[in-house]
Amino acid sequence: FSAEVLGRAYGQLSQRHREGLDVTLGGLTDFTSEEMSHLAGIQHRQEGPVNEQALLDCIRIIQKEYGCTLSQLVTDKKLSAAELLVRTGTMPIEEIAVKSELGSPNYFYTLFKKRYGMSPLQYRKQHQL
């Protein structure tokens, strides 16, 4: 949850900074109240506004704690969620690919095969109960 929220917030704040716009929490859009509360908690711990530097600091902490970039962490979480759907559900693989928000279905298949050693359909057949 927090890595994805931080990534989205960082992207929006970076864009707003480049455009010379407000780079505080008030400038963020498309966040749930729970996500805004999470960002406000970061702001409180930073004892200042959540700005580009504060988010960069959080990203560095994520890199130190998880040993990967924020982007890699978000991709890993999305792929793990997709794997669960492939293994336990009946949703078509193409729909899982779209729902996972990992890019094109072809890219999803490539990532899935790289991580799990087989295509999503092969994985489903092998891991179904």
N, C-alpha and C. Protein backbone atom coordinates (compact mmCIF):
# COMPACT_ATOMS: atom_id res chain seq x y z
N PHE A 1 0.84 -1.20 0.00
CA PHE A 1 0.00 0.00 0.00
C PHE A 1 0.86 1.23 0.00
N SER A 2 1.78 1.37 0.93
CA SER A 2 2.47 2.62 1.04
C SER A 2 3.41 2.89 -0.10
N ALA A 3 4.03 1.86 -0.67
CA ALA A 3 4.94 2.07 -1.79
C ALA A 3 4.17 2.60 -3.00
N GLU A 4 3.01 2.04 -3.26
CA GLU A 4 2.21 2.48 -4.41
C GLU A 4 1.73 3.92 -4.20
N VAL A 5 1.26 4.22 -3.00
CA VAL A 5 0.79 5.58 -2.70
C VAL A 5 1.94 6.57 -2.83
N LEU A 6 3.09 6.22 -2.28
CA LEU A 6 4.25 7.12 -2.38
C LEU A 6 4.65 7.34 -3.83
N GLY A 7 4.63 6.27 -4.61
CA GLY A 7 4.99 6.40 -6.02
C GLY A 7 4.05 7.33 -6.78
N ARG A 8 2.76 7.16 -6.56
CA ARG A 8 1.78 8.04 -7.21
C ARG A 8 1.94 9.48 -6.74
N ALA A 9 2.11 9.65 -5.43
CA ALA A 9 2.27 11.00 -4.90
C ALA A 9 3.54 11.65 -5.44
N TYR A 10 4.61 10.90 -5.47
CA TYR A 10 5.87 11.43 -5.99
C TYR A 10 5.71 11.85 -7.45
N GLY A 11 5.05 11.00 -8.24
CA GLY A 11 4.84 11.33 -9.65
C GLY A 11 4.06 12.62 -9.82
N GLN A 12 2.98 12.75 -9.06
CA GLN A 12 2.16 13.96 -9.16
C GLN A 12 2.92 15.19 -8.66
N LEU A 13 3.60 15.05 -7.53
CA LEU A 13 4.33 16.21 -7.00
C LEU A 13 5.48 16.61 -7.91
N SER A 14 6.15 15.65 -8.50
CA SER A 14 7.24 15.96 -9.43
C SER A 14 6.70 16.73 -10.63
N GLN A 15 5.58 16.25 -11.17
CA GLN A 15 4.97 16.91 -12.32
C GLN A 15 4.56 18.34 -11.95
N ARG A 16 3.92 18.48 -10.81
CA ARG A 16 3.48 19.82 -10.37
C ARG A 16 4.68 20.73 -10.13
N HIS A 17 5.77 20.18 -9.60
CA HIS A 17 6.98 20.97 -9.38
C HIS A 17 7.55 21.47 -10.71
N ARG A 18 7.60 20.59 -11.71
CA ARG A 18 8.10 20.97 -13.03
C ARG A 18 7.23 22.06 -13.66
N GLU A 19 5.93 22.03 -13.35
CA GLU A 19 5.00 23.01 -13.90
C GLU A 19 4.93 24.27 -13.05
N GLY A 20 5.68 24.33 -11.95
CA GLY A 20 5.68 25.50 -11.08
C GLY A 20 4.42 25.63 -10.24
N LEU A 21 3.73 24.51 -10.00
CA LEU A 21 2.49 24.53 -9.23
C LEU A 21 2.74 24.12 -7.78
N ASP A 22 1.69 24.21 -6.97
CA ASP A 22 1.70 23.83 -5.56
C ASP A 22 2.18 22.39 -5.39
N VAL A 23 3.18 22.17 -4.52
CA VAL A 23 3.69 20.82 -4.28
C VAL A 23 3.44 20.40 -2.83
N THR A 24 2.23 20.66 -2.36
CA THR A 24 1.82 20.23 -1.03
C THR A 24 0.71 19.19 -1.18
N LEU A 25 0.26 18.62 -0.08
CA LEU A 25 -0.81 17.64 -0.13
C LEU A 25 -2.06 18.17 -0.82
N GLY A 26 -2.32 19.44 -0.65
CA GLY A 26 -3.50 20.04 -1.26
C GLY A 26 -3.48 19.98 -2.78
N GLY A 27 -2.31 19.84 -3.36
CA GLY A 27 -2.20 19.77 -4.81
C GLY A 27 -2.38 18.38 -5.39
N LEU A 28 -2.51 17.38 -4.54
CA LEU A 28 -2.65 16.01 -5.02
C LEU A 28 -4.10 15.71 -5.40
N THR A 29 -4.28 14.89 -6.43
CA THR A 29 -5.62 14.50 -6.87
C THR A 29 -5.69 12.98 -6.98
N ASP A 30 -6.88 12.46 -7.00
CA ASP A 30 -7.14 11.03 -7.20
C ASP A 30 -6.58 10.13 -6.10
N PHE A 31 -6.64 10.59 -4.86
CA PHE A 31 -6.24 9.79 -3.71
C PHE A 31 -7.44 9.61 -2.80
N THR A 32 -7.58 8.41 -2.25
CA THR A 32 -8.68 8.17 -1.31
C THR A 32 -8.37 8.89 0.00
N SER A 33 -9.37 8.99 0.85
CA SER A 33 -9.14 9.64 2.14
C SER A 33 -8.14 8.84 2.97
N GLU A 34 -8.16 7.52 2.84
CA GLU A 34 -7.20 6.68 3.56
C GLU A 34 -5.77 6.95 3.07
N GLU A 35 -5.61 7.09 1.76
CA GLU A 35 -4.29 7.38 1.21
C GLU A 35 -3.81 8.76 1.63
N MET A 36 -4.73 9.73 1.64
CA MET A 36 -4.35 11.08 2.08
C MET A 36 -3.94 11.07 3.55
N SER A 37 -4.63 10.27 4.36
CA SER A 37 -4.26 10.15 5.77
C SER A 37 -2.85 9.56 5.90
N HIS A 38 -2.56 8.58 5.07
CA HIS A 38 -1.23 7.97 5.07
C HIS A 38 -0.17 9.03 4.72
N LEU A 39 -0.43 9.81 3.68
CA LEU A 39 0.52 10.85 3.29
C LEU A 39 0.62 11.93 4.36
N ALA A 40 -0.49 12.25 5.01
CA ALA A 40 -0.46 13.23 6.09
C ALA A 40 0.39 12.71 7.24
N GLY A 41 0.35 11.38 7.48
CA GLY A 41 1.20 10.79 8.52
C GLY A 41 2.67 10.96 8.18
N ILE A 42 3.02 10.81 6.92
CA ILE A 42 4.40 11.04 6.49
C ILE A 42 4.75 12.50 6.71
N GLN A 43 3.82 13.38 6.34
CA GLN A 43 4.05 14.81 6.52
C GLN A 43 4.29 15.12 7.99
N HIS A 44 3.49 14.52 8.88
CA HIS A 44 3.63 14.77 10.31
C HIS A 44 5.00 14.30 10.80
N ARG A 45 5.43 13.12 10.36
CA ARG A 45 6.74 12.60 10.77
C ARG A 45 7.87 13.44 10.22
N GLN A 46 7.66 14.05 9.06
CA GLN A 46 8.68 14.89 8.45
C GLN A 46 8.74 16.27 9.12
N GLU A 47 7.72 16.61 9.88
CA GLU A 47 7.60 17.91 10.53
C GLU A 47 7.70 19.04 9.51
N GLY A 48 7.04 18.85 8.42
CA GLY A 48 7.01 19.86 7.37
C GLY A 48 6.10 19.37 6.26
N PRO A 49 5.97 20.15 5.21
CA PRO A 49 5.08 19.74 4.13
C PRO A 49 5.61 18.51 3.40
N VAL A 50 4.69 17.68 2.89
CA VAL A 50 5.10 16.58 2.03
C VAL A 50 5.44 17.22 0.69
N ASN A 51 6.69 17.28 0.41
CA ASN A 51 7.13 17.85 -0.86
C ASN A 51 8.00 16.83 -1.59
N GLU A 52 8.57 17.25 -2.68
CA GLU A 52 9.36 16.32 -3.48
C GLU A 52 10.51 15.74 -2.67
N GLN A 53 11.18 16.55 -1.87
CA GLN A 53 12.31 16.06 -1.08
C GLN A 53 11.87 15.05 -0.03
N ALA A 54 10.75 15.31 0.62
CA ALA A 54 10.25 14.37 1.63
C ALA A 54 9.93 13.02 1.00
N LEU A 55 9.32 13.04 -0.19
CA LEU A 55 9.01 11.79 -0.88
C LEU A 55 10.28 11.09 -1.36
N LEU A 56 11.26 11.87 -1.80
CA LEU A 56 12.55 11.26 -2.18
C LEU A 56 13.18 10.56 -0.99
N ASP A 57 13.08 11.18 0.18
CA ASP A 57 13.61 10.56 1.39
C ASP A 57 12.89 9.25 1.69
N CYS A 58 11.56 9.24 1.53
CA CYS A 58 10.80 8.02 1.74
C CYS A 58 11.20 6.94 0.73
N ILE A 59 11.41 7.34 -0.50
CA ILE A 59 11.83 6.39 -1.53
C ILE A 59 13.19 5.79 -1.18
N ARG A 60 14.10 6.60 -0.68
CA ARG A 60 15.42 6.10 -0.26
C ARG A 60 15.27 5.09 0.88
N ILE A 61 14.36 5.35 1.80
CA ILE A 61 14.12 4.42 2.90
C ILE A 61 13.59 3.10 2.35
N ILE A 62 12.68 3.17 1.40
CA ILE A 62 12.15 1.95 0.78
C ILE A 62 13.28 1.18 0.11
N GLN A 63 14.16 1.88 -0.60
CA GLN A 63 15.27 1.20 -1.26
C GLN A 63 16.18 0.52 -0.24
N LYS A 64 16.41 1.19 0.88
CA LYS A 64 17.27 0.61 1.91
C LYS A 64 16.60 -0.59 2.58
N GLU A 65 15.31 -0.47 2.90
CA GLU A 65 14.59 -1.53 3.60
C GLU A 65 14.32 -2.75 2.74
N TYR A 66 13.96 -2.53 1.46
CA TYR A 66 13.56 -3.63 0.59
C TYR A 66 14.63 -4.05 -0.41
N GLY A 67 15.69 -3.26 -0.55
CA GLY A 67 16.77 -3.61 -1.46
C GLY A 67 16.41 -3.49 -2.92
N CYS A 68 15.41 -2.67 -3.23
CA CYS A 68 15.03 -2.47 -4.63
C CYS A 68 14.44 -1.06 -4.77
N THR A 69 14.22 -0.67 -6.01
CA THR A 69 13.63 0.64 -6.25
C THR A 69 12.14 0.61 -5.94
N LEU A 70 11.56 1.78 -5.81
CA LEU A 70 10.12 1.88 -5.57
C LEU A 70 9.36 1.23 -6.72
N SER A 71 9.80 1.48 -7.93
CA SER A 71 9.15 0.90 -9.10
C SER A 71 9.20 -0.62 -9.06
N GLN A 72 10.34 -1.19 -8.70
CA GLN A 72 10.46 -2.64 -8.60
C GLN A 72 9.55 -3.19 -7.51
N LEU A 73 9.46 -2.50 -6.40
CA LEU A 73 8.61 -2.94 -5.30
C LEU A 73 7.14 -2.94 -5.71
N VAL A 74 6.71 -1.88 -6.38
CA VAL A 74 5.31 -1.79 -6.83
C VAL A 74 5.03 -2.89 -7.85
N THR A 75 5.95 -3.10 -8.79
CA THR A 75 5.79 -4.17 -9.78
C THR A 75 5.70 -5.52 -9.10
N ASP A 76 6.55 -5.76 -8.11
CA ASP A 76 6.54 -7.03 -7.38
C ASP A 76 5.20 -7.25 -6.69
N LYS A 77 4.66 -6.22 -6.05
CA LYS A 77 3.37 -6.34 -5.35
C LYS A 77 2.24 -6.62 -6.35
N LYS A 78 2.26 -5.94 -7.48
CA LYS A 78 1.23 -6.15 -8.50
C LYS A 78 1.32 -7.56 -9.08
N LEU A 79 2.55 -8.03 -9.31
CA LEU A 79 2.74 -9.36 -9.87
C LEU A 79 2.32 -10.43 -8.87
N SER A 80 2.59 -10.22 -7.60
CA SER A 80 2.15 -11.17 -6.56
C SER A 80 0.63 -11.24 -6.49
N ALA A 81 -0.02 -10.09 -6.60
CA ALA A 81 -1.49 -10.07 -6.59
C ALA A 81 -2.04 -10.78 -7.83
N ALA A 82 -1.40 -10.59 -8.97
CA ALA A 82 -1.83 -11.26 -10.20
C ALA A 82 -1.63 -12.77 -10.09
N GLU A 83 -0.52 -13.18 -9.49
CA GLU A 83 -0.25 -14.62 -9.32
C GLU A 83 -1.36 -15.27 -8.51
N LEU A 84 -1.82 -14.61 -7.47
CA LEU A 84 -2.91 -15.14 -6.64
C LEU A 84 -4.18 -15.32 -7.48
N LEU A 85 -4.47 -14.34 -8.32
CA LEU A 85 -5.66 -14.45 -9.20
C LEU A 85 -5.50 -15.58 -10.20
N VAL A 86 -4.30 -15.73 -10.74
CA VAL A 86 -4.05 -16.82 -11.70
C VAL A 86 -4.22 -18.17 -11.01
N ARG A 87 -3.66 -18.30 -9.84
CA ARG A 87 -3.63 -19.58 -9.12
C ARG A 87 -4.99 -19.97 -8.56
N THR A 88 -5.74 -19.01 -8.03
CA THR A 88 -6.94 -19.36 -7.28
C THR A 88 -8.25 -18.99 -7.98
N GLY A 89 -8.17 -18.21 -9.03
CA GLY A 89 -9.41 -17.72 -9.64
C GLY A 89 -9.74 -18.36 -10.96
N THR A 90 -10.82 -17.86 -11.51
CA THR A 90 -11.26 -18.33 -12.83
C THR A 90 -11.28 -17.18 -13.83
N MET A 91 -10.84 -16.01 -13.41
CA MET A 91 -10.81 -14.86 -14.29
C MET A 91 -9.89 -15.17 -15.49
N PRO A 92 -10.31 -14.79 -16.68
CA PRO A 92 -9.45 -15.02 -17.84
C PRO A 92 -8.08 -14.34 -17.66
N ILE A 93 -7.03 -14.99 -18.15
CA ILE A 93 -5.66 -14.47 -18.00
C ILE A 93 -5.54 -13.07 -18.59
N GLU A 94 -6.17 -12.85 -19.73
CA GLU A 94 -6.11 -11.53 -20.37
C GLU A 94 -6.69 -10.46 -19.44
N GLU A 95 -7.77 -10.78 -18.75
CA GLU A 95 -8.39 -9.83 -17.82
C GLU A 95 -7.48 -9.58 -16.61
N ILE A 96 -6.82 -10.63 -16.14
CA ILE A 96 -5.87 -10.47 -15.03
C ILE A 96 -4.72 -9.56 -15.48
N ALA A 97 -4.27 -9.75 -16.70
CA ALA A 97 -3.19 -8.93 -17.23
C ALA A 97 -3.57 -7.46 -17.21
N VAL A 98 -4.78 -7.14 -17.63
CA VAL A 98 -5.25 -5.76 -17.65
C VAL A 98 -5.43 -5.25 -16.22
N LYS A 99 -6.06 -6.07 -15.38
CA LYS A 99 -6.33 -5.68 -13.99
C LYS A 99 -5.05 -5.43 -13.19
N SER A 100 -3.98 -6.13 -13.54
CA SER A 100 -2.73 -6.00 -12.80
C SER A 100 -2.05 -4.65 -13.02
N GLU A 101 -2.43 -3.94 -14.07
CA GLU A 101 -1.88 -2.62 -14.37
C GLU A 101 -0.36 -2.64 -14.51
N LEU A 102 0.15 -3.69 -15.14
CA LEU A 102 1.60 -3.80 -15.36
C LEU A 102 2.00 -3.41 -16.77
N GLY A 103 1.12 -2.81 -17.49
CA GLY A 103 1.40 -2.45 -18.88
C GLY A 103 0.58 -3.31 -19.80
N SER A 104 1.10 -3.56 -20.97
CA SER A 104 0.37 -4.36 -21.96
C SER A 104 0.27 -5.81 -21.51
N PRO A 105 -0.72 -6.53 -22.01
CA PRO A 105 -0.80 -7.96 -21.69
C PRO A 105 0.48 -8.72 -22.05
N ASN A 106 1.12 -8.35 -23.16
CA ASN A 106 2.37 -9.01 -23.53
C ASN A 106 3.45 -8.80 -22.48
N TYR A 107 3.53 -7.58 -21.95
CA TYR A 107 4.53 -7.30 -20.92
C TYR A 107 4.20 -8.08 -19.64
N PHE A 108 2.91 -8.17 -19.31
CA PHE A 108 2.49 -8.97 -18.17
C PHE A 108 2.95 -10.42 -18.33
N TYR A 109 2.70 -11.00 -19.51
CA TYR A 109 3.10 -12.39 -19.76
C TYR A 109 4.62 -12.54 -19.60
N THR A 110 5.37 -11.58 -20.12
CA THR A 110 6.84 -11.62 -20.03
C THR A 110 7.30 -11.59 -18.57
N LEU A 111 6.74 -10.65 -17.80
CA LEU A 111 7.11 -10.54 -16.38
C LEU A 111 6.73 -11.81 -15.61
N PHE A 112 5.53 -12.31 -15.88
CA PHE A 112 5.04 -13.49 -15.17
C PHE A 112 5.94 -14.68 -15.47
N LYS A 113 6.26 -14.89 -16.73
CA LYS A 113 7.08 -16.03 -17.12
C LYS A 113 8.49 -15.91 -16.54
N LYS A 114 9.01 -14.70 -16.52
CA LYS A 114 10.35 -14.48 -15.96
C LYS A 114 10.38 -14.83 -14.47
N ARG A 115 9.34 -14.43 -13.76
CA ARG A 115 9.31 -14.66 -12.31
C ARG A 115 8.94 -16.09 -11.93
N TYR A 116 7.96 -16.67 -12.63
CA TYR A 116 7.43 -17.98 -12.22
C TYR A 116 7.88 -19.13 -13.13
N GLY A 117 8.62 -18.82 -14.19
CA GLY A 117 9.20 -19.86 -15.03
C GLY A 117 8.25 -20.50 -16.02
N MET A 118 7.06 -19.96 -16.14
CA MET A 118 6.09 -20.49 -17.11
C MET A 118 5.03 -19.43 -17.37
N SER A 119 4.26 -19.66 -18.41
CA SER A 119 3.21 -18.70 -18.74
C SER A 119 2.12 -18.73 -17.66
N PRO A 120 1.31 -17.69 -17.58
CA PRO A 120 0.22 -17.69 -16.59
C PRO A 120 -0.73 -18.88 -16.76
N LEU A 121 -1.04 -19.24 -18.00
CA LEU A 121 -1.95 -20.36 -18.22
C LEU A 121 -1.33 -21.68 -17.77
N GLN A 122 -0.06 -21.89 -18.09
CA GLN A 122 0.64 -23.10 -17.61
C GLN A 122 0.66 -23.13 -16.09
N TYR A 123 0.91 -21.98 -15.50
CA TYR A 123 0.97 -21.86 -14.04
C TYR A 123 -0.37 -22.23 -13.42
N ARG A 124 -1.45 -21.72 -14.01
CA ARG A 124 -2.79 -22.01 -13.50
C ARG A 124 -3.06 -23.51 -13.56
N LYS A 125 -2.75 -24.11 -14.69
CA LYS A 125 -3.01 -25.55 -14.85
C LYS A 125 -2.20 -26.36 -13.84
N GLN A 126 -0.98 -25.97 -13.60
CA GLN A 126 -0.10 -26.71 -12.67
C GLN A 126 -0.49 -26.51 -11.21
N HIS A 127 -1.05 -25.35 -10.86
CA HIS A 127 -1.30 -25.02 -9.46
C HIS A 127 -2.78 -25.09 -9.05
N GLN A 128 -3.66 -25.47 -9.97
CA GLN A 128 -5.07 -25.60 -9.59
C GLN A 128 -5.24 -26.82 -8.70
N LEU A 129 -6.17 -26.73 -7.78
CA LEU A 129 -6.43 -27.85 -6.86
C LEU A 129 -7.28 -28.90 -7.49
